């Protein structure tokens, strides 16, 4: 690692930024749904799971979906109650959560 950010963490953060932009720009029907699912649930869930000490692959996979849906629910509910809900804002917020979780992971990976 040479004191830098690991490749999986960097790839996850960059994917969140790139796919968020692609989702906002728009894609053809089924591809848009797949990319939106990835940005809204899978990437944030994966970034948050990487912050936990879970080593079991099956549990980690379950937590990816559970934490992704939980984060999406929290963001959507907060935006709804603040009367600022928009799907674009939700995409940006979930991308930001992913990037922030990657930054937190990078801090954990950094040598003391």
C-alpha atoms as a PDB file:
ATOM      1  CA  UNK A   1       0.000   0.000   0.000  1.00  0.00           C
ATOM      2  CA  UNK A   2       2.992   2.323   0.541  1.00  0.00           C
ATOM      3  CA  UNK A   3       1.024   4.493   2.950  1.00  0.00           C
ATOM      4  CA  UNK A   4      -1.554   5.383   0.279  1.00  0.00           C
ATOM      5  CA  UNK A   5      -5.139   4.453  -0.224  1.00  0.00           C
ATOM      6  CA  UNK A   6      -5.770   0.811  -1.180  1.00  0.00           C
ATOM      7  CA  UNK A   7      -6.943  -0.021  -4.680  1.00  0.00           C
ATOM      8  CA  UNK A   8     -10.340  -1.442  -3.603  1.00  0.00           C
ATOM      9  CA  UNK A   9     -11.115   1.670  -1.566  1.00  0.00           C
ATOM     10  CA  UNK A  10     -10.021   3.966  -4.384  1.00  0.00           C
ATOM     11  CA  UNK A  11     -11.998   1.964  -6.943  1.00  0.00           C
ATOM     12  CA  UNK A  12     -15.118   2.092  -4.780  1.00  0.00           C
ATOM     13  CA  UNK A  13     -14.875   5.869  -4.311  1.00  0.00           C
ATOM     14  CA  UNK A  14     -14.187   6.552  -7.976  1.00  0.00           C
ATOM     15  CA  UNK A  15     -17.014   4.235  -9.042  1.00  0.00           C
ATOM     16  CA  UNK A  16     -19.404   6.144  -6.767  1.00  0.00           C
ATOM     17  CA  UNK A  17     -18.446   9.468  -8.324  1.00  0.00           C
ATOM     18  CA  UNK A  18     -18.487   8.188 -11.916  1.00  0.00           C
ATOM     19  CA  UNK A  19     -21.748   6.260 -11.626  1.00  0.00           C
ATOM     20  CA  UNK A  20     -23.443   9.144  -9.815  1.00  0.00           C
ATOM     21  CA  UNK A  21     -22.593  11.451 -12.704  1.00  0.00           C
ATOM     22  CA  UNK A  22     -23.698   8.854 -15.263  1.00  0.00           C
ATOM     23  CA  UNK A  23     -26.982   8.357 -13.395  1.00  0.00           C
ATOM     24  CA  UNK A  24     -27.647  12.103 -13.369  1.00  0.00           C
ATOM     25  CA  UNK A  25     -26.868  12.408 -17.085  1.00  0.00           C
ATOM     26  CA  UNK A  26     -29.161   9.522 -17.934  1.00  0.00           C
ATOM     27  CA  UNK A  27     -28.881   6.195 -19.662  1.00  0.00           C
ATOM     28  CA  UNK A  28     -31.234   3.968 -21.643  1.00  0.00           C
ATOM     29  CA  UNK A  29     -34.018   2.333 -19.548  1.00  0.00           C
ATOM     30  CA  UNK A  30     -32.794  -0.966 -18.075  1.00  0.00           C
ATOM     31  CA  UNK A  31     -29.187   0.208 -17.860  1.00  0.00           C
ATOM     32  CA  UNK A  32     -30.318   3.322 -15.942  1.00  0.00           C
ATOM     33  CA  UNK A  33     -32.126   1.124 -13.411  1.00  0.00           C
ATOM     34  CA  UNK A  34     -29.064  -1.092 -12.918  1.00  0.00           C
ATOM     35  CA  UNK A  35     -26.718   1.864 -12.463  1.00  0.00           C
ATOM     36  CA  UNK A  36     -29.170   3.598 -10.109  1.00  0.00           C
ATOM     37  CA  UNK A  37     -29.447   0.443  -7.975  1.00  0.00           C
ATOM     38  CA  UNK A  38     -25.672   0.257  -7.823  1.00  0.00           C
ATOM     39  CA  UNK A  39     -25.282   3.909  -6.792  1.00  0.00           C
ATOM     40  CA  UNK A  40     -28.217   3.989  -4.388  1.00  0.00           C
ATOM     41  CA  UNK A  41     -27.758   0.657  -2.591  1.00  0.00           C
ATOM     42  CA  UNK A  42     -24.755  -1.470  -3.496  1.00  0.00           C
ATOM     43  CA  UNK A  43     -21.877   1.041  -3.467  1.00  0.00           C
ATOM     44  CA  UNK A  44     -22.863   2.769  -0.203  1.00  0.00           C
ATOM     45  CA  UNK A  45     -23.549  -0.600   1.399  1.00  0.00           C
ATOM     46  CA  UNK A  46     -20.160  -1.960   0.327  1.00  0.00           C
ATOM     47  CA  UNK A  47     -18.356   1.153   1.545  1.00  0.00           C
ATOM     48  CA  UNK A  48     -20.095   0.956   4.928  1.00  0.00           C
ATOM     49  CA  UNK A  49     -19.449  -2.787   5.306  1.00  0.00           C
ATOM     50  CA  UNK A  50     -15.747  -2.183   4.702  1.00  0.00           C
ATOM     51  CA  UNK A  51     -15.769  -0.109   7.903  1.00  0.00           C
ATOM     52  CA  UNK A  52     -16.885  -3.118   9.970  1.00  0.00           C
ATOM     53  CA  UNK A  53     -14.743  -6.031  11.187  1.00  0.00           C
ATOM     54  CA  UNK A  54     -16.969  -8.597   9.419  1.00  0.00           C
ATOM     55  CA  UNK A  55     -14.933 -11.349   7.736  1.00  0.00           C
ATOM     56  CA  UNK A  56     -17.675 -13.845   6.802  1.00  0.00           C
ATOM     57  CA  UNK A  57     -18.471 -13.427   3.087  1.00  0.00           C
ATOM     58  CA  UNK A  58     -22.158 -14.374   3.380  1.00  0.00           C
ATOM     59  CA  UNK A  59     -22.722 -11.977   6.270  1.00  0.00           C
ATOM     60  CA  UNK A  60     -20.836  -9.231   4.446  1.00  0.00           C
ATOM     61  CA  UNK A  61     -23.016  -9.699   1.336  1.00  0.00           C
ATOM     62  CA  UNK A  62     -26.156  -9.510   3.459  1.00  0.00           C
ATOM     63  CA  UNK A  63     -24.863  -6.398   5.216  1.00  0.00           C
ATOM     64  CA  UNK A  64     -24.069  -4.695   1.897  1.00  0.00           C
ATOM     65  CA  UNK A  65     -27.741  -4.825   0.932  1.00  0.00           C
ATOM     66  CA  UNK A  66     -29.050  -4.109   4.447  1.00  0.00           C
ATOM     67  CA  UNK A  67     -26.768  -1.128   5.102  1.00  0.00           C
ATOM     68  CA  UNK A  68     -27.326   0.239   1.595  1.00  0.00           C
ATOM     69  CA  UNK A  69     -31.104   0.124   2.004  1.00  0.00           C
ATOM     70  CA  UNK A  70     -30.860   1.549   5.533  1.00  0.00           C
ATOM     71  CA  UNK A  71     -28.726   4.479   4.343  1.00  0.00           C
ATOM     72  CA  UNK A  72     -31.049   5.097   1.386  1.00  0.00           C
ATOM     73  CA  UNK A  73     -34.062   5.051   3.704  1.00  0.00           C
ATOM     74  CA  UNK A  74     -32.428   7.495   6.115  1.00  0.00           C
ATOM     75  CA  UNK A  75     -31.421   9.887   3.330  1.00  0.00           C
ATOM     76  CA  UNK A  76     -34.799   9.709   1.584  1.00  0.00           C
ATOM     77  CA  UNK A  77     -36.719  10.198   4.835  1.00  0.00           C
ATOM     78  CA  UNK A  78     -34.586  13.164   5.849  1.00  0.00           C
ATOM     79  CA  UNK A  79     -35.000  14.765   2.428  1.00  0.00           C
ATOM     80  CA  UNK A  80     -38.750  14.116   2.507  1.00  0.00           C
ATOM     81  CA  UNK A  81     -39.194  15.713   5.932  1.00  0.00           C
ATOM     82  CA  UNK A  82     -37.050  18.665   4.920  1.00  0.00           C
ATOM     83  CA  UNK A  83     -39.238  18.975   1.792  1.00  0.00           C
ATOM     84  CA  UNK A  84     -36.198  18.860  -0.471  1.00  0.00           C
ATOM     85  CA  UNK A  85     -36.611  15.352  -1.897  1.00  0.00           C
ATOM     86  CA  UNK A  86     -35.490  14.772  -5.447  1.00  0.00           C
ATOM     87  CA  UNK A  87     -34.064  11.682  -7.032  1.00  0.00           C
ATOM     88  CA  UNK A  88     -31.042  13.681  -8.196  1.00  0.00           C
ATOM     89  CA  UNK A  89     -30.369  14.884  -4.656  1.00  0.00           C
ATOM     90  CA  UNK A  90     -30.706  11.344  -3.394  1.00  0.00           C
ATOM     91  CA  UNK A  91     -28.157  10.089  -5.936  1.00  0.00           C
ATOM     92  CA  UNK A  92     -25.716  12.826  -4.956  1.00  0.00           C
ATOM     93  CA  UNK A  93     -26.230  12.169  -1.228  1.00  0.00           C
ATOM     94  CA  UNK A  94     -25.675   8.425  -1.612  1.00  0.00           C
ATOM     95  CA  UNK A  95     -22.582   9.041  -3.725  1.00  0.00           C
ATOM     96  CA  UNK A  96     -21.305  11.389  -1.014  1.00  0.00           C
ATOM     97  CA  UNK A  97     -21.955   8.782   1.681  1.00  0.00           C
ATOM     98  CA  UNK A  98     -19.952   6.273  -0.339  1.00  0.00           C
ATOM     99  CA  UNK A  99     -17.037   8.659  -0.800  1.00  0.00           C
ATOM    100  CA  UNK A 100     -17.076   9.647   2.895  1.00  0.00           C
ATOM    101  CA  UNK A 101     -17.092   5.986   3.944  1.00  0.00           C
ATOM    102  CA  UNK A 102     -14.148   5.380   1.591  1.00  0.00           C
ATOM    103  CA  UNK A 103     -12.286   8.292   3.179  1.00  0.00           C
ATOM    104  CA  UNK A 104     -12.997   6.850   6.630  1.00  0.00           C
ATOM    105  CA  UNK A 105     -11.700   3.458   5.443  1.00  0.00           C
ATOM    106  CA  UNK A 106      -8.586   5.119   4.069  1.00  0.00           C
ATOM    107  CA  UNK A 107      -7.947   6.644   7.487  1.00  0.00           C
ATOM    108  CA  UNK A 108      -8.248   3.181   9.048  1.00  0.00           C
ATOM    109  CA  UNK A 109      -5.811   1.767   6.474  1.00  0.00           C
ATOM    110  CA  UNK A 110      -3.253   4.536   6.955  1.00  0.00           C
ATOM    111  CA  UNK A 111      -0.229   3.634   9.045  1.00  0.00           C
ATOM    112  CA  UNK A 112      -0.228   5.152  12.526  1.00  0.00           C
END
